[in-house]
Structures are given as structure tokens and as C-alpha cells.
Protein backbone atom coordinates (compact mmCIF):
# COMPACT_ATOMS: atom_id res chain seq x y z
CA TYR A 1 51.70 -215.71 91.95
CA LEU A 2 49.94 -213.18 89.76
CA ASN A 3 46.20 -213.40 89.11
CA ALA A 4 45.62 -213.41 85.35
CA THR A 5 41.82 -213.70 85.57
CA ALA A 6 40.39 -210.82 83.54
CA GLY A 7 37.32 -209.61 81.69
CA THR A 8 38.71 -210.61 78.29
CA CYS A 9 41.04 -213.32 77.01
CA GLU A 10 43.34 -210.66 75.61
CA GLU A 11 43.75 -208.99 79.01
CA MET A 12 44.26 -212.40 80.65
CA MET A 13 47.12 -213.17 78.26
CA LYS A 14 48.64 -209.69 78.79
CA ARG A 15 48.69 -210.41 82.52
CA ALA A 16 50.35 -213.79 81.98
CA VAL A 17 53.02 -212.21 79.78
CA PHE A 18 53.55 -209.52 82.43
CA ALA A 19 53.91 -212.19 85.13
CA ARG A 20 56.59 -213.90 83.04
CA GLU A 21 58.41 -210.59 82.49
CA LEU A 22 58.39 -209.99 86.27
CA GLY A 23 59.77 -213.47 86.90
CA VAL A 24 56.66 -214.62 88.74
CA PRO A 25 56.75 -218.45 88.71
CA ILE A 26 53.00 -219.05 89.13
CA VAL A 27 50.00 -217.57 87.34
CA MET A 28 46.54 -217.91 88.87
CA HIS A 29 43.33 -218.17 86.87
CA ASP A 30 39.71 -218.70 87.83
CA TYR A 31 38.61 -221.28 85.28
CA LEU A 32 34.90 -221.02 86.09
CA THR A 33 34.57 -217.27 85.66
CA GLY A 34 37.20 -217.12 82.91
CA GLY A 35 35.84 -220.04 80.92
CA PHE A 36 37.30 -223.30 79.67
CA THR A 37 38.58 -222.01 76.33
CA ALA A 38 40.38 -219.09 77.97
CA ASN A 39 41.79 -221.48 80.56
CA THR A 40 43.09 -223.85 77.88
CA SER A 41 44.80 -220.97 76.05
CA LEU A 42 46.40 -219.82 79.30
CA ALA A 43 47.45 -223.38 80.19
CA HIS A 44 49.22 -223.73 76.84
CA TYR A 45 50.96 -220.37 77.30
CA CYS A 46 52.09 -221.27 80.81
CA ARG A 47 53.34 -224.70 79.78
CA ASP A 48 55.23 -223.25 76.80
CA ASN A 49 56.84 -220.56 78.95
CA GLY A 50 57.81 -222.46 82.09
CA LEU A 51 55.09 -221.07 84.33
CA LEU A 52 52.88 -223.02 86.71
CA LEU A 53 49.14 -222.45 86.41
CA HIS A 54 47.27 -222.36 89.71
CA ILE A 55 43.52 -222.76 89.27
CA HIS A 56 40.96 -221.02 91.42
CA ARG A 57 37.29 -222.02 91.41
CA ALA A 58 35.30 -219.01 92.59
CA MET A 59 31.57 -219.47 92.13
CA HIS A 60 31.82 -223.28 92.24
CA ALA A 61 29.37 -223.55 95.14
CA VAL A 62 26.62 -221.94 93.06
CA ILE A 63 27.14 -224.71 90.52
CA ASP A 64 28.05 -227.77 92.57
CA ARG A 65 26.58 -227.38 96.06
CA GLN A 66 22.95 -227.29 94.94
CA LYS A 67 21.18 -230.62 95.40
CA ASN A 68 18.34 -229.89 92.94
CA HIS A 69 20.24 -228.42 90.00
CA GLY A 70 23.72 -227.91 88.70
CA MET A 71 26.49 -230.47 88.56
CA HIS A 72 28.86 -232.13 90.98
CA PHE A 73 32.40 -230.83 91.36
CA ARG A 74 33.74 -234.12 89.98
CA VAL A 75 32.38 -233.00 86.57
CA LEU A 76 34.08 -229.61 86.95
CA ALA A 77 37.27 -231.40 88.01
CA LYS A 78 37.24 -233.53 84.86
CA ALA A 79 36.62 -230.45 82.72
CA LEU A 80 39.56 -228.73 84.38
CA ARG A 81 41.85 -231.69 83.80
CA MET A 82 40.97 -231.58 80.10
CA SER A 83 41.33 -227.79 80.00
CA GLY A 84 44.70 -227.63 81.76
CA GLY A 85 46.23 -226.46 85.01
CA ASP A 86 48.88 -227.52 87.48
CA HIS A 87 47.07 -227.25 90.80
CA ILE A 88 43.63 -226.30 92.10
CA HIS A 89 41.90 -225.48 95.36
CA SER A 90 40.08 -228.79 95.57
CA GLY A 91 38.40 -228.62 98.94
CA THR A 92 39.03 -231.13 101.70
CA VAL A 93 37.18 -233.32 104.15
CA VAL A 94 37.43 -230.59 106.83
CA GLY A 95 37.52 -226.79 106.86
CA LYS A 96 35.57 -224.17 104.95
CA LEU A 97 35.49 -226.16 101.70
CA GLU A 98 34.48 -229.37 103.47
CA GLY A 99 32.87 -232.17 101.50
CA GLU A 100 31.91 -235.80 102.03
CA ARG A 101 35.11 -237.73 102.72
CA ASP A 102 34.78 -240.57 100.18
CA ILE A 103 33.38 -238.33 97.44
CA THR A 104 36.11 -235.73 97.99
CA LEU A 105 38.81 -238.40 97.83
CA GLY A 106 37.19 -239.70 94.64
CA PHE A 107 37.47 -236.43 92.75
CA VAL A 108 40.94 -235.82 94.18
CA ASP A 109 41.94 -239.11 92.52
CA LEU A 110 40.21 -238.01 89.29
CA LEU A 111 42.38 -234.92 89.28
CA ARG A 112 45.74 -236.56 89.85
CA ASP A 113 45.74 -240.28 88.95
CA ASP A 114 46.23 -241.74 85.46
CA PHE A 115 43.81 -244.63 85.98
CA ILE A 116 40.78 -244.73 88.29
CA GLU A 117 38.72 -247.84 88.94
CA LYS A 118 34.94 -247.65 89.19
CA ASP A 119 33.93 -247.10 92.83
CA ARG A 120 30.40 -245.75 93.31
CA SER A 121 30.99 -245.14 97.03
CA ARG A 122 33.55 -242.50 96.01
CA GLY A 123 31.48 -241.04 93.19
CA ILE A 124 33.45 -242.84 90.46
CA TYR A 125 30.73 -244.34 88.27
CA PHE A 126 32.95 -245.94 85.63
CA THR A 127 36.61 -246.89 85.21
CA GLN A 128 38.55 -243.99 83.73
CA ASP A 129 41.88 -244.13 81.95
CA TRP A 130 43.38 -240.67 81.44
CA VAL A 131 46.25 -242.18 79.41
CA SER A 132 48.82 -239.39 78.97
CA LEU A 133 46.64 -236.41 79.94
CA PRO A 134 48.52 -234.58 82.71
CA GLY A 135 47.05 -234.60 86.19
CA VAL A 136 46.26 -231.62 88.39
CA ILE A 137 47.60 -231.41 91.95
CA PRO A 138 44.75 -230.90 94.45
CA VAL A 139 45.59 -228.18 97.00
CA ALA A 140 44.01 -228.21 100.46
CA SER A 141 42.55 -224.80 101.08
CA GLY A 142 39.70 -222.93 102.68
CA GLY A 143 40.12 -222.52 106.41
CA ILE A 144 42.62 -225.33 106.97
CA HIS A 145 44.66 -224.98 110.15
CA VAL A 146 46.89 -227.15 112.32
CA TRP A 147 43.98 -228.76 114.22
CA HIS A 148 42.66 -230.18 110.92
CA MET A 149 45.86 -232.10 110.17
CA PRO A 150 44.81 -235.39 111.83
CA ALA A 151 41.63 -235.50 109.72
CA LEU A 152 43.59 -234.67 106.56
CA THR A 153 46.21 -237.36 107.09
CA ASP A 154 43.88 -240.23 108.06
């Protein structure tokens, strides 16, 4: 993949065009540092030009790991789904990006499923119907290795 994250939207789009010219099948973008509007523009470009858009989430911990301020990643996950992208480093129940098992599985479902039933134990506070809005594939990342596989497949 080619990282299209840039200081301006114009430079981001130039990088995406360059990736396409090189025949790179996947463009990466950091939707938190790049912004939702820039991400949506890039998502439309990628979709229209046969490229996959991989989403990175640098800086998320500053926003979503603070107990006294900020917002939970499930909110950022919903914003991403509305903004556009094909897959994202979502974190897992083990490894460097470890989170609470039920809560992590809840926002993983928010990213990929069309319809999610209310389940407070998983951080889903109301039933959500995404209708035809495309899902985002959660990607296990952040220090995952072979010894984590049993915990990931349970």
C-alpha cells in the first residue's frame, strides 16, 4: 500500500492518484489526523478508481483511552463507517492494542454488520440498522503473534 496521509487534502489526493498510476492496490490514510472530510473524499476517489482504502488510527489512544474525557472508540468507529474505508486497525482482545473483550467485539460488529441489536454488555446502547451503508473490515493489528491465536479465535 501507499500512505496518502498528508498535510493538505490536495497532497493527499495527489498521493492517491500516484498510487493508482503505480498500480498500488491499496491506499492507506489516517482518518483521525487527516480528518473526516478528507477521508470521505479519499474514500470516494478510491471506490471510483478500484482502490482499497486501508484506515489507520494514529492518535486514537489520546482520544479514546482516557477515562475522564474524550470518547470511546465505538464512536470513532461509527464516524469512520460513515466517512468511508475498507479496513481498519481495530485493536483486538490481546496484543498491543488490547481492549475489553466484549466491548471490542461490540465495536467490531458495529464496523462490519448491517444490523446490530442493543447489547449494553458489549457497548451497544441501542439497536442500529446500517441499511445499505458499506461495512469496514476490522484488521487485527498491534503486536499480534502466533501465541495470541487461541485468544483471537475463541
